[in-house]
Amino acid sequence: MNEQESLQDYLNRLASSDPTPGGGAAAAVSGAQAVALLLMVCRLTTGKKFASVSEQINELETLLIQNKSAFLALKDEDEKAFQELMSCYKLPKSNEDEAAIRLAKIRESLYLAARAPMQMIEEVLRVLPSTSTLIRIGNKNLITDIGVAVHLLDTTVQSARLNVLINTRLVDNPDFDKECRRVISIAEKLISAHKKEVMEVVENFL
């Protein structure tokens, strides 16, 4: 979904027989929701009680606004990439030249289709420092919202991973596939450790 599309319209499109939006878009929306929750925490960490951290909160808010926009842009990019991939599968292949051109375009489109979810994973890693800061200085009445945000960020990583690998397995570029898997493995370890750290704080507060 974008800034203009209603939640109901997005869910209707997601539930339709149209293959876009699909899992990649859902991963990006999960990331955008996580960031939106973190923005809410920032905007409710105000007043005299939080005067000493107001500058940090303002800086975080600015960064998170950029993160949210990035996730929504990646959602649209993922949809566009998949639509282009589908159009490549419809290219003619009645002779060797046509078949070769079609195959090359399919492989190029598969690469592009893998790129958007990879960027979602990278965006999650950019958001993580904000959750560490907010769990420490944010409004404690909203500590569970930070916990939910971290769960959603983990969901984004795991969901984006699936959408990367379904495309890289068909690109016929072992080096690209290997590099994607390497980056994903690092990201999974980072989000797992970070999630454990944040959720311990959340659970101890409850």
N, C-alpha and C. Protein backbone atom coordinates (compact mmCIF):
# COMPACT_ATOMS: atom_id res chain seq x y z
N MET A 1 0.84 -1.19 0.00
CA MET A 1 0.00 0.00 0.00
C MET A 1 0.88 1.24 0.00
N ASN A 2 0.35 2.34 -0.54
CA ASN A 2 1.08 3.60 -0.53
C ASN A 2 0.35 4.58 0.38
N GLU A 3 0.84 5.82 0.43
CA GLU A 3 0.27 6.81 1.34
C GLU A 3 -1.19 7.11 1.01
N GLN A 4 -1.59 6.92 -0.26
CA GLN A 4 -2.94 7.27 -0.68
C GLN A 4 -3.91 6.09 -0.61
N GLU A 5 -3.40 4.86 -0.63
CA GLU A 5 -4.25 3.68 -0.66
C GLU A 5 -4.75 3.33 0.74
N SER A 6 -6.04 3.06 0.85
CA SER A 6 -6.59 2.70 2.16
C SER A 6 -6.17 1.27 2.51
N LEU A 7 -6.21 0.96 3.79
CA LEU A 7 -5.87 -0.38 4.24
C LEU A 7 -6.80 -1.41 3.62
N GLN A 8 -8.09 -1.09 3.56
CA GLN A 8 -9.06 -2.03 3.00
C GLN A 8 -8.78 -2.29 1.52
N ASP A 9 -8.45 -1.23 0.78
CA ASP A 9 -8.13 -1.40 -0.65
C ASP A 9 -6.90 -2.27 -0.83
N TYR A 10 -5.88 -2.04 -0.01
CA TYR A 10 -4.66 -2.84 -0.09
C TYR A 10 -4.96 -4.30 0.21
N LEU A 11 -5.72 -4.58 1.26
CA LEU A 11 -6.04 -5.96 1.62
C LEU A 11 -6.89 -6.63 0.55
N ASN A 12 -7.78 -5.87 -0.06
CA ASN A 12 -8.58 -6.42 -1.16
C ASN A 12 -7.69 -6.81 -2.33
N ARG A 13 -6.70 -5.97 -2.63
CA ARG A 13 -5.78 -6.29 -3.72
C ARG A 13 -4.92 -7.50 -3.34
N LEU A 14 -4.49 -7.55 -2.09
CA LEU A 14 -3.66 -8.66 -1.62
C LEU A 14 -4.43 -9.98 -1.70
N ALA A 15 -5.74 -9.92 -1.47
CA ALA A 15 -6.58 -11.14 -1.48
C ALA A 15 -7.10 -11.50 -2.87
N SER A 16 -6.83 -10.67 -3.85
CA SER A 16 -7.38 -10.91 -5.18
C SER A 16 -6.58 -11.97 -5.93
N SER A 17 -7.06 -12.33 -7.11
CA SER A 17 -6.37 -13.32 -7.95
C SER A 17 -5.16 -12.72 -8.67
N ASP A 18 -4.99 -11.42 -8.57
CA ASP A 18 -3.83 -10.76 -9.15
C ASP A 18 -2.60 -11.12 -8.31
N PRO A 19 -1.50 -11.56 -8.95
CA PRO A 19 -0.32 -11.96 -8.17
C PRO A 19 0.42 -10.82 -7.48
N THR A 20 0.06 -9.59 -7.82
CA THR A 20 0.64 -8.44 -7.11
C THR A 20 -0.50 -7.60 -6.54
N PRO A 21 -0.35 -7.13 -5.28
CA PRO A 21 0.77 -7.37 -4.38
C PRO A 21 0.78 -8.79 -3.85
N GLY A 22 1.98 -9.24 -3.46
CA GLY A 22 2.12 -10.58 -2.92
C GLY A 22 2.97 -10.55 -1.66
N GLY A 23 3.72 -11.63 -1.45
CA GLY A 23 4.50 -11.77 -0.23
C GLY A 23 5.56 -10.70 -0.05
N GLY A 24 6.16 -10.27 -1.14
CA GLY A 24 7.19 -9.23 -1.05
C GLY A 24 6.60 -7.92 -0.56
N ALA A 25 5.47 -7.56 -1.11
CA ALA A 25 4.80 -6.33 -0.68
C ALA A 25 4.38 -6.44 0.78
N ALA A 26 3.88 -7.61 1.17
CA ALA A 26 3.47 -7.80 2.57
C ALA A 26 4.65 -7.65 3.52
N ALA A 27 5.82 -8.12 3.08
CA ALA A 27 7.03 -7.97 3.90
C ALA A 27 7.35 -6.50 4.12
N ALA A 28 7.24 -5.72 3.04
CA ALA A 28 7.54 -4.29 3.13
C ALA A 28 6.53 -3.57 4.02
N VAL A 29 5.26 -3.93 3.91
CA VAL A 29 4.23 -3.31 4.75
C VAL A 29 4.46 -3.66 6.21
N SER A 30 4.92 -4.87 6.49
CA SER A 30 5.26 -5.25 7.85
C SER A 30 6.35 -4.33 8.41
N GLY A 31 7.35 -4.05 7.58
CA GLY A 31 8.41 -3.14 8.00
C GLY A 31 7.90 -1.74 8.23
N ALA A 32 7.02 -1.28 7.33
CA ALA A 32 6.45 0.06 7.47
C ALA A 32 5.60 0.17 8.74
N GLN A 33 4.86 -0.89 9.06
CA GLN A 33 4.06 -0.89 10.29
C GLN A 33 4.96 -0.83 11.53
N ALA A 34 6.06 -1.56 11.49
CA ALA A 34 7.00 -1.53 12.61
C ALA A 34 7.51 -0.12 12.85
N VAL A 35 7.90 0.53 11.76
CA VAL A 35 8.43 1.89 11.87
C VAL A 35 7.35 2.86 12.34
N ALA A 36 6.12 2.66 11.87
CA ALA A 36 5.02 3.52 12.30
C ALA A 36 4.80 3.43 13.81
N LEU A 37 4.92 2.22 14.35
CA LEU A 37 4.80 2.05 15.80
C LEU A 37 5.92 2.78 16.53
N LEU A 38 7.12 2.69 15.99
CA LEU A 38 8.25 3.39 16.62
C LEU A 38 8.07 4.89 16.55
N LEU A 39 7.49 5.37 15.46
CA LEU A 39 7.19 6.80 15.34
C LEU A 39 6.16 7.22 16.39
N MET A 40 5.17 6.36 16.62
CA MET A 40 4.18 6.65 17.66
C MET A 40 4.85 6.80 19.02
N VAL A 41 5.79 5.91 19.32
CA VAL A 41 6.50 5.99 20.59
C VAL A 41 7.25 7.32 20.69
N CYS A 42 7.91 7.70 19.60
CA CYS A 42 8.62 8.99 19.59
C CYS A 42 7.65 10.14 19.89
N ARG A 43 6.50 10.12 19.24
CA ARG A 43 5.57 11.24 19.34
C ARG A 43 4.81 11.27 20.67
N LEU A 44 4.94 10.19 21.44
CA LEU A 44 4.35 10.17 22.77
C LEU A 44 5.42 10.20 23.86
N THR A 45 6.65 10.40 23.44
CA THR A 45 7.74 10.62 24.39
C THR A 45 8.03 12.12 24.39
N THR A 46 7.12 12.85 25.01
CA THR A 46 7.18 14.32 24.97
C THR A 46 6.86 14.90 26.36
N GLY A 47 7.02 16.21 26.46
CA GLY A 47 6.68 16.90 27.70
C GLY A 47 7.88 17.04 28.63
N LYS A 48 7.62 17.65 29.77
CA LYS A 48 8.69 17.93 30.74
C LYS A 48 9.41 16.67 31.19
N LYS A 49 8.66 15.61 31.35
CA LYS A 49 9.23 14.35 31.83
C LYS A 49 10.35 13.84 30.92
N PHE A 50 10.24 14.15 29.62
CA PHE A 50 11.21 13.65 28.65
C PHE A 50 12.05 14.77 28.04
N ALA A 51 12.10 15.89 28.70
CA ALA A 51 12.83 17.05 28.17
C ALA A 51 14.30 16.74 27.91
N SER A 52 14.90 15.92 28.77
CA SER A 52 16.33 15.63 28.64
C SER A 52 16.66 14.79 27.42
N VAL A 53 15.65 14.12 26.85
CA VAL A 53 15.91 13.26 25.68
C VAL A 53 15.20 13.77 24.43
N SER A 54 14.64 14.97 24.50
CA SER A 54 13.83 15.48 23.38
C SER A 54 14.64 15.61 22.10
N GLU A 55 15.90 15.99 22.21
CA GLU A 55 16.73 16.14 21.01
C GLU A 55 16.96 14.78 20.35
N GLN A 56 17.26 13.77 21.15
CA GLN A 56 17.44 12.42 20.61
C GLN A 56 16.16 11.91 19.97
N ILE A 57 15.04 12.15 20.62
CA ILE A 57 13.76 11.70 20.09
C ILE A 57 13.45 12.38 18.76
N ASN A 58 13.73 13.67 18.66
CA ASN A 58 13.50 14.40 17.41
C ASN A 58 14.36 13.84 16.29
N GLU A 59 15.60 13.51 16.61
CA GLU A 59 16.50 12.94 15.60
C GLU A 59 16.00 11.56 15.15
N LEU A 60 15.55 10.78 16.12
CA LEU A 60 15.00 9.46 15.79
C LEU A 60 13.77 9.59 14.90
N GLU A 61 12.91 10.52 15.23
CA GLU A 61 11.69 10.70 14.45
C GLU A 61 12.02 11.03 13.00
N THR A 62 12.99 11.89 12.78
CA THR A 62 13.41 12.25 11.43
C THR A 62 13.90 11.03 10.66
N LEU A 63 14.71 10.20 11.32
CA LEU A 63 15.24 9.00 10.68
C LEU A 63 14.12 8.00 10.37
N LEU A 64 13.21 7.84 11.32
CA LEU A 64 12.14 6.85 11.15
C LEU A 64 11.16 7.24 10.05
N ILE A 65 10.94 8.52 9.88
CA ILE A 65 10.09 8.97 8.77
C ILE A 65 10.71 8.53 7.45
N GLN A 66 12.03 8.64 7.35
CA GLN A 66 12.73 8.20 6.14
C GLN A 66 12.63 6.68 5.97
N ASN A 67 12.76 5.96 7.08
CA ASN A 67 12.64 4.50 7.02
C ASN A 67 11.26 4.06 6.55
N LYS A 68 10.23 4.71 7.05
CA LYS A 68 8.86 4.35 6.65
C LYS A 68 8.65 4.59 5.15
N SER A 69 9.13 5.72 4.68
CA SER A 69 9.01 6.02 3.25
C SER A 69 9.77 5.01 2.41
N ALA A 70 10.92 4.57 2.92
CA ALA A 70 11.73 3.59 2.19
C ALA A 70 10.99 2.26 2.06
N PHE A 71 10.37 1.80 3.15
CA PHE A 71 9.63 0.54 3.08
C PHE A 71 8.46 0.63 2.10
N LEU A 72 7.75 1.74 2.10
CA LEU A 72 6.62 1.89 1.18
C LEU A 72 7.10 1.95 -0.27
N ALA A 73 8.24 2.60 -0.50
CA ALA A 73 8.79 2.65 -1.85
C ALA A 73 9.22 1.25 -2.30
N LEU A 74 9.79 0.47 -1.39
CA LEU A 74 10.21 -0.89 -1.72
C LEU A 74 9.02 -1.79 -1.99
N LYS A 75 7.92 -1.52 -1.31
CA LYS A 75 6.69 -2.28 -1.58
C LYS A 75 6.27 -2.06 -3.03
N ASP A 76 6.29 -0.81 -3.48
CA ASP A 76 5.92 -0.51 -4.86
C ASP A 76 6.93 -1.08 -5.84
N GLU A 77 8.22 -1.01 -5.48
CA GLU A 77 9.27 -1.54 -6.34
C GLU A 77 9.14 -3.05 -6.50
N ASP A 78 8.77 -3.72 -5.41
CA ASP A 78 8.59 -5.17 -5.47
C ASP A 78 7.44 -5.54 -6.40
N GLU A 79 6.36 -4.82 -6.30
CA GLU A 79 5.22 -5.07 -7.20
C GLU A 79 5.61 -4.87 -8.66
N LYS A 80 6.30 -3.76 -8.92
CA LYS A 80 6.71 -3.44 -10.29
C LYS A 80 7.65 -4.51 -10.84
N ALA A 81 8.60 -4.95 -10.03
CA ALA A 81 9.56 -5.95 -10.48
C ALA A 81 8.87 -7.26 -10.83
N PHE A 82 7.91 -7.67 -10.02
CA PHE A 82 7.21 -8.92 -10.30
C PHE A 82 6.35 -8.81 -11.56
N GLN A 83 5.72 -7.65 -11.74
CA GLN A 83 4.92 -7.44 -12.94
C GLN A 83 5.79 -7.51 -14.19
N GLU A 84 6.99 -6.94 -14.11
CA GLU A 84 7.91 -6.99 -15.24
C GLU A 84 8.38 -8.42 -15.52
N LEU A 85 8.60 -9.17 -14.44
CA LEU A 85 8.99 -10.57 -14.60
C LEU A 85 7.90 -11.36 -15.31
N MET A 86 6.66 -11.16 -14.91
CA MET A 86 5.55 -11.85 -15.55
C MET A 86 5.44 -11.51 -17.04
N SER A 87 5.72 -10.25 -17.37
CA SER A 87 5.66 -9.84 -18.77
C SER A 87 6.76 -10.51 -19.58
N CYS A 88 7.91 -10.78 -18.95
CA CYS A 88 9.01 -11.44 -19.65
C CYS A 88 8.65 -12.88 -19.99
N TYR A 89 7.93 -13.54 -19.11
CA TYR A 89 7.52 -14.92 -19.37
C TYR A 89 6.56 -15.01 -20.57
N LYS A 90 5.95 -13.88 -20.91
CA LYS A 90 5.01 -13.87 -22.03
C LYS A 90 5.68 -13.54 -23.37
N LEU A 91 6.98 -13.28 -23.34
CA LEU A 91 7.70 -12.95 -24.58
C LEU A 91 7.73 -14.16 -25.51
N PRO A 92 7.78 -13.90 -26.81
CA PRO A 92 7.78 -15.01 -27.77
C PRO A 92 9.05 -15.86 -27.68
N LYS A 93 8.92 -17.13 -28.03
CA LYS A 93 10.07 -18.05 -28.01
C LYS A 93 9.94 -19.08 -29.15
N SER A 94 9.49 -18.56 -30.29
CA SER A 94 9.22 -19.45 -31.42
C SER A 94 10.48 -19.87 -32.18
N ASN A 95 11.60 -19.21 -31.92
CA ASN A 95 12.86 -19.61 -32.54
C ASN A 95 13.99 -19.41 -31.52
N GLU A 96 15.20 -19.82 -31.89
CA GLU A 96 16.32 -19.78 -30.95
C GLU A 96 16.65 -18.36 -30.50
N ASP A 97 16.61 -17.42 -31.43
CA ASP A 97 16.93 -16.03 -31.08
C ASP A 97 15.91 -15.47 -30.09
N GLU A 98 14.65 -15.68 -30.37
CA GLU A 98 13.60 -15.21 -29.46
C GLU A 98 13.72 -15.86 -28.10
N ALA A 99 13.99 -17.16 -28.09
CA ALA A 99 14.11 -17.90 -26.83
C ALA A 99 15.29 -17.38 -26.01
N ALA A 100 16.39 -17.06 -26.70
CA ALA A 100 17.58 -16.56 -25.99
C ALA A 100 17.31 -15.18 -25.40
N ILE A 101 16.65 -14.33 -26.16
CA ILE A 101 16.31 -12.98 -25.68
C ILE A 101 15.36 -13.08 -24.49
N ARG A 102 14.37 -13.95 -24.63
CA ARG A 102 13.39 -14.15 -23.55
C ARG A 102 14.08 -14.62 -22.27
N LEU A 103 14.97 -15.61 -22.40
CA LEU A 103 15.66 -16.15 -21.23
C LEU A 103 16.52 -15.08 -20.56
N ALA A 104 17.21 -14.28 -21.36
CA ALA A 104 18.07 -13.22 -20.80
C ALA A 104 17.24 -12.20 -20.04
N LYS A 105 16.10 -11.85 -20.60
CA LYS A 105 15.23 -10.87 -19.93
C LYS A 105 14.61 -11.44 -18.66
N ILE A 106 14.28 -12.71 -18.68
CA ILE A 106 13.74 -13.35 -17.48
C ILE A 106 14.78 -13.33 -16.36
N ARG A 107 16.01 -13.68 -16.70
CA ARG A 107 17.07 -13.71 -15.69
C ARG A 107 17.35 -12.31 -15.14
N GLU A 108 17.30 -11.32 -16.01
CA GLU A 108 17.49 -9.94 -15.55
C GLU A 108 16.36 -9.53 -14.62
N SER A 109 15.15 -9.90 -14.98
CA SER A 109 13.99 -9.56 -14.15
C SER A 109 14.01 -10.29 -12.82
N LEU A 110 14.50 -11.53 -12.82
CA LEU A 110 14.62 -12.28 -11.56
C LEU A 110 15.60 -11.59 -10.62
N TYR A 111 16.68 -11.07 -11.19
CA TYR A 111 17.65 -10.33 -10.38
C TYR A 111 16.98 -9.11 -9.75
N LEU A 112 16.23 -8.37 -10.55
CA LEU A 112 15.55 -7.18 -10.05
C LEU A 112 14.49 -7.54 -9.01
N ALA A 113 13.82 -8.68 -9.24
CA ALA A 113 12.80 -9.12 -8.29
C ALA A 113 13.41 -9.52 -6.95
N ALA A 114 14.66 -9.97 -6.96
CA ALA A 114 15.34 -10.33 -5.72
C ALA A 114 15.89 -9.09 -5.01
N ARG A 115 16.15 -8.05 -5.78
CA ARG A 115 16.80 -6.87 -5.21
C ARG A 115 15.92 -6.14 -4.21
N ALA A 116 14.62 -5.98 -4.51
CA ALA A 116 13.73 -5.24 -3.60
C ALA A 116 13.65 -5.88 -2.22
N PRO A 117 13.39 -7.19 -2.11
CA PRO A 117 13.36 -7.79 -0.77
C PRO A 117 14.73 -7.76 -0.07
N MET A 118 15.82 -7.82 -0.84
CA MET A 118 17.14 -7.69 -0.22
C MET A 118 17.27 -6.31 0.41
N GLN A 119 16.76 -5.30 -0.27
CA GLN A 119 16.83 -3.94 0.26
C GLN A 119 15.93 -3.78 1.49
N MET A 120 14.85 -4.54 1.54
CA MET A 120 13.99 -4.53 2.74
C MET A 120 14.78 -5.02 3.95
N ILE A 121 15.55 -6.08 3.75
CA ILE A 121 16.37 -6.63 4.84
C ILE A 121 17.39 -5.59 5.29
N GLU A 122 18.01 -4.93 4.33
CA GLU A 122 18.99 -3.89 4.65
C GLU A 122 18.33 -2.74 5.40
N GLU A 123 17.09 -2.42 5.03
CA GLU A 123 16.37 -1.33 5.70
C GLU A 123 16.05 -1.70 7.15
N VAL A 124 15.72 -2.96 7.38
CA VAL A 124 15.49 -3.42 8.76
C VAL A 124 16.73 -3.17 9.60
N LEU A 125 17.89 -3.48 9.06
CA LEU A 125 19.14 -3.29 9.81
C LEU A 125 19.38 -1.81 10.12
N ARG A 126 18.89 -0.94 9.25
CA ARG A 126 19.02 0.49 9.51
C ARG A 126 18.08 0.95 10.62
N VAL A 127 16.98 0.24 10.79
CA VAL A 127 15.99 0.62 11.81
C VAL A 127 16.38 0.13 13.21
N LEU A 128 17.07 -0.99 13.28
CA LEU A 128 17.36 -1.62 14.57
C LEU A 128 17.96 -0.68 15.62
N PRO A 129 18.93 0.18 15.28
CA PRO A 129 19.48 1.08 16.30
C PRO A 129 18.42 1.97 16.96
N SER A 130 17.39 2.33 16.21
CA SER A 130 16.33 3.16 16.77
C SER A 130 15.56 2.42 17.85
N THR A 131 15.36 1.11 17.66
CA THR A 131 14.63 0.35 18.69
C THR A 131 15.47 0.24 19.96
N SER A 132 16.79 0.12 19.79
CA SER A 132 17.67 0.06 20.97
C SER A 132 17.59 1.34 21.77
N THR A 133 17.56 2.46 21.06
CA THR A 133 17.49 3.75 21.74
C THR A 133 16.14 3.95 22.41
N LEU A 134 15.07 3.62 21.69
CA LEU A 134 13.72 3.84 22.24
C LEU A 134 13.42 2.95 23.43
N ILE A 135 13.94 1.72 23.43
CA ILE A 135 13.69 0.84 24.56
C ILE A 135 14.36 1.39 25.81
N ARG A 136 15.35 2.25 25.61
CA ARG A 136 16.08 2.83 26.73
C ARG A 136 15.52 4.17 27.18
N ILE A 137 15.14 5.04 26.22
CA ILE A 137 14.73 6.40 26.60
C ILE A 137 13.28 6.71 26.29
N GLY A 138 12.59 5.80 25.59
CA GLY A 138 11.21 6.07 25.20
C GLY A 138 10.23 5.94 26.35
N ASN A 139 9.02 6.40 26.09
CA ASN A 139 7.93 6.32 27.06
C ASN A 139 7.66 4.86 27.43
N LYS A 140 7.89 4.51 28.70
CA LYS A 140 7.77 3.11 29.13
C LYS A 140 6.34 2.57 29.04
N ASN A 141 5.37 3.46 28.99
CA ASN A 141 3.99 3.01 28.81
C ASN A 141 3.77 2.38 27.44
N LEU A 142 4.72 2.61 26.54
CA LEU A 142 4.60 2.10 25.17
C LEU A 142 5.65 1.03 24.88
N ILE A 143 6.20 0.46 25.93
CA ILE A 143 7.30 -0.49 25.74
C ILE A 143 6.86 -1.73 24.95
N THR A 144 5.59 -2.13 25.11
CA THR A 144 5.13 -3.30 24.35
C THR A 144 4.97 -2.97 22.87
N ASP A 145 4.72 -1.71 22.54
CA ASP A 145 4.65 -1.32 21.13
C ASP A 145 6.02 -1.45 20.47
N ILE A 146 7.07 -1.16 21.24
CA ILE A 146 8.43 -1.37 20.72
C ILE A 146 8.65 -2.86 20.50
N GLY A 147 8.16 -3.68 21.44
CA GLY A 147 8.27 -5.13 21.29
C GLY A 147 7.56 -5.62 20.04
N VAL A 148 6.36 -5.13 19.80
CA VAL A 148 5.60 -5.51 18.60
C VAL A 148 6.37 -5.08 17.35
N ALA A 149 6.95 -3.89 17.39
CA ALA A 149 7.71 -3.39 16.24
C ALA A 149 8.89 -4.31 15.93
N VAL A 150 9.56 -4.78 16.97
CA VAL A 150 10.70 -5.68 16.75
C VAL A 150 10.24 -7.01 16.17
N HIS A 151 9.10 -7.52 16.64
CA HIS A 151 8.54 -8.75 16.05
C HIS A 151 8.23 -8.53 14.57
N LEU A 152 7.67 -7.38 14.23
CA LEU A 152 7.34 -7.08 12.84
C LEU A 152 8.60 -6.94 11.98
N LEU A 153 9.65 -6.37 12.55
CA LEU A 153 10.90 -6.26 11.81
C LEU A 153 11.49 -7.64 11.53
N ASP A 154 11.39 -8.53 12.51
CA ASP A 154 11.84 -9.91 12.32
C ASP A 154 11.01 -10.58 11.22
N THR A 155 9.71 -10.34 11.24
CA THR A 155 8.83 -10.87 10.20
C THR A 155 9.23 -10.36 8.82
N THR A 156 9.59 -9.10 8.75
CA THR A 156 10.03 -8.53 7.47
C THR A 156 11.26 -9.25 6.95
N VAL A 157 12.23 -9.49 7.83
CA VAL A 157 13.45 -10.18 7.41
C VAL A 157 13.14 -11.59 6.93
N GLN A 158 12.36 -12.33 7.70
CA GLN A 158 12.06 -13.72 7.33
C GLN A 158 11.22 -13.80 6.06
N SER A 159 10.29 -12.86 5.91
CA SER A 159 9.43 -12.86 4.72
C SER A 159 10.20 -12.41 3.48
N ALA A 160 11.03 -11.38 3.64
CA ALA A 160 11.84 -10.91 2.52
C ALA A 160 12.82 -12.00 2.08
N ARG A 161 13.36 -12.72 3.05
CA ARG A 161 14.29 -13.82 2.74
C ARG A 161 13.66 -14.81 1.76
N LEU A 162 12.42 -15.20 2.03
CA LEU A 162 11.75 -16.15 1.13
C LEU A 162 11.62 -15.59 -0.27
N ASN A 163 11.33 -14.31 -0.36
CA ASN A 163 11.13 -13.69 -1.66
C ASN A 163 12.44 -13.46 -2.41
N VAL A 164 13.53 -13.32 -1.68
CA VAL A 164 14.84 -13.27 -2.33
C VAL A 164 15.18 -14.63 -2.91
N LEU A 165 15.08 -15.66 -2.09
CA LEU A 165 15.57 -16.98 -2.48
C LEU A 165 14.75 -17.63 -3.58
N ILE A 166 13.44 -17.34 -3.63
CA ILE A 166 12.63 -17.92 -4.71
C ILE A 166 13.04 -17.37 -6.07
N ASN A 167 13.65 -16.17 -6.05
CA ASN A 167 14.12 -15.57 -7.30
C ASN A 167 15.57 -15.94 -7.60
N THR A 168 16.44 -15.92 -6.59
CA THR A 168 17.86 -16.20 -6.86
C THR A 168 18.08 -17.63 -7.32
N ARG A 169 17.24 -18.55 -6.89
CA ARG A 169 17.41 -19.95 -7.30
C ARG A 169 17.22 -20.13 -8.81
N LEU A 170 16.58 -19.16 -9.47
CA LEU A 170 16.31 -19.25 -10.91
C LEU A 170 17.17 -18.31 -11.75
N VAL A 171 17.97 -17.48 -11.10
CA VAL A 171 18.77 -16.49 -11.84
C VAL A 171 19.89 -17.15 -12.63
N ASP A 172 20.32 -18.31 -12.21
CA ASP A 172 21.46 -19.01 -12.82
C ASP A 172 22.75 -18.22 -12.65
N ASN A 173 22.93 -17.69 -11.43
CA ASN A 173 24.14 -16.95 -11.08
C ASN A 173 24.52 -17.40 -9.66
N PRO A 174 25.31 -18.48 -9.55
CA PRO A 174 25.65 -19.03 -8.22
C PRO A 174 26.31 -18.01 -7.30
N ASP A 175 27.12 -17.13 -7.85
CA ASP A 175 27.80 -16.13 -7.02
C ASP A 175 26.79 -15.16 -6.40
N PHE A 176 25.82 -14.73 -7.21
CA PHE A 176 24.79 -13.82 -6.71
C PHE A 176 23.94 -14.51 -5.64
N ASP A 177 23.57 -15.74 -5.90
CA ASP A 177 22.78 -16.51 -4.93
C ASP A 177 23.56 -16.68 -3.62
N LYS A 178 24.84 -17.01 -3.73
CA LYS A 178 25.68 -17.20 -2.55
C LYS A 178 25.82 -15.92 -1.75
N GLU A 179 25.99 -14.79 -2.42
CA GLU A 179 26.14 -13.51 -1.74
C GLU A 179 24.85 -13.12 -1.02
N CYS A 180 23.73 -13.33 -1.67
CA CYS A 180 22.44 -13.03 -1.04
C CYS A 180 22.26 -13.87 0.22
N ARG A 181 22.58 -15.15 0.11
CA ARG A 181 22.43 -16.04 1.27
C ARG A 181 23.37 -15.62 2.41
N ARG A 182 24.56 -15.15 2.05
CA ARG A 182 25.52 -14.70 3.06
C ARG A 182 24.98 -13.49 3.82
N VAL A 183 24.48 -12.50 3.08
CA VAL A 183 23.95 -11.29 3.69
C VAL A 183 22.71 -11.61 4.54
N ILE A 184 21.86 -12.48 4.02
CA ILE A 184 20.66 -12.87 4.76
C ILE A 184 21.04 -13.55 6.07
N SER A 185 22.03 -14.43 6.03
CA SER A 185 22.46 -15.14 7.24
C SER A 185 22.96 -14.15 8.30
N ILE A 186 23.72 -13.16 7.88
CA ILE A 186 24.21 -12.13 8.81
C ILE A 186 23.03 -11.36 9.39
N ALA A 187 22.09 -10.98 8.53
CA ALA A 187 20.93 -10.21 8.98
C ALA A 187 20.09 -11.01 9.96
N GLU A 188 19.90 -12.31 9.69
CA GLU A 188 19.11 -13.15 10.60
C GLU A 188 19.75 -13.23 11.98
N LYS A 189 21.07 -13.35 12.02
CA LYS A 189 21.77 -13.42 13.30
C LYS A 189 21.65 -12.10 14.06
N LEU A 190 21.76 -10.99 13.32
CA LEU A 190 21.66 -9.68 13.96
C LEU A 190 20.26 -9.43 14.52
N ILE A 191 19.23 -9.72 13.74
CA ILE A 191 17.87 -9.46 14.19
C ILE A 191 17.51 -10.41 15.33
N SER A 192 18.01 -11.65 15.29
CA SER A 192 17.73 -12.60 16.36
C SER A 192 18.33 -12.13 17.68
N ALA A 193 19.58 -11.69 17.64
CA ALA A 193 20.24 -11.21 18.86
C ALA A 193 19.58 -9.94 19.37
N HIS A 194 19.24 -9.07 18.44
CA HIS A 194 18.61 -7.80 18.81
C HIS A 194 17.22 -8.03 19.40
N LYS A 195 16.48 -8.90 18.78
CA LYS A 195 15.13 -9.21 19.26
C LYS A 195 15.18 -9.78 20.67
N LYS A 196 16.13 -10.68 20.91
CA LYS A 196 16.27 -11.28 22.24
C LYS A 196 16.57 -10.19 23.28
N GLU A 197 17.46 -9.28 22.94
CA GLU A 197 17.84 -8.20 23.85
C GLU A 197 16.67 -7.29 24.18
N VAL A 198 15.93 -6.88 23.15
CA VAL A 198 14.80 -5.97 23.35
C VAL A 198 13.67 -6.66 24.10
N MET A 199 13.37 -7.89 23.72
CA MET A 199 12.24 -8.58 24.35
C MET A 199 12.51 -8.93 25.80
N GLU A 200 13.76 -9.10 26.16
CA GLU A 200 14.08 -9.31 27.58
C GLU A 200 13.70 -8.09 28.40
N VAL A 201 13.98 -6.91 27.85
CA VAL A 201 13.62 -5.66 28.53
C VAL A 201 12.09 -5.55 28.63
N VAL A 202 11.40 -5.86 27.53
CA VAL A 202 9.95 -5.79 27.50
C VAL A 202 9.34 -6.74 28.52
N GLU A 203 9.78 -8.00 28.48
CA GLU A 203 9.21 -9.02 29.37
C GLU A 203 9.49 -8.71 30.84
N ASN A 204 10.66 -8.17 31.11
CA ASN A 204 10.98 -7.82 32.51
C ASN A 204 10.14 -6.66 33.02
N PHE A 205 9.62 -5.86 32.10
CA PHE A 205 8.79 -4.72 32.49
C PHE A 205 7.37 -5.15 32.81
N LEU A 206 6.94 -6.26 32.22
CA LEU A 206 5.54 -6.69 32.35
C LEU A 206 5.26 -7.35 33.70
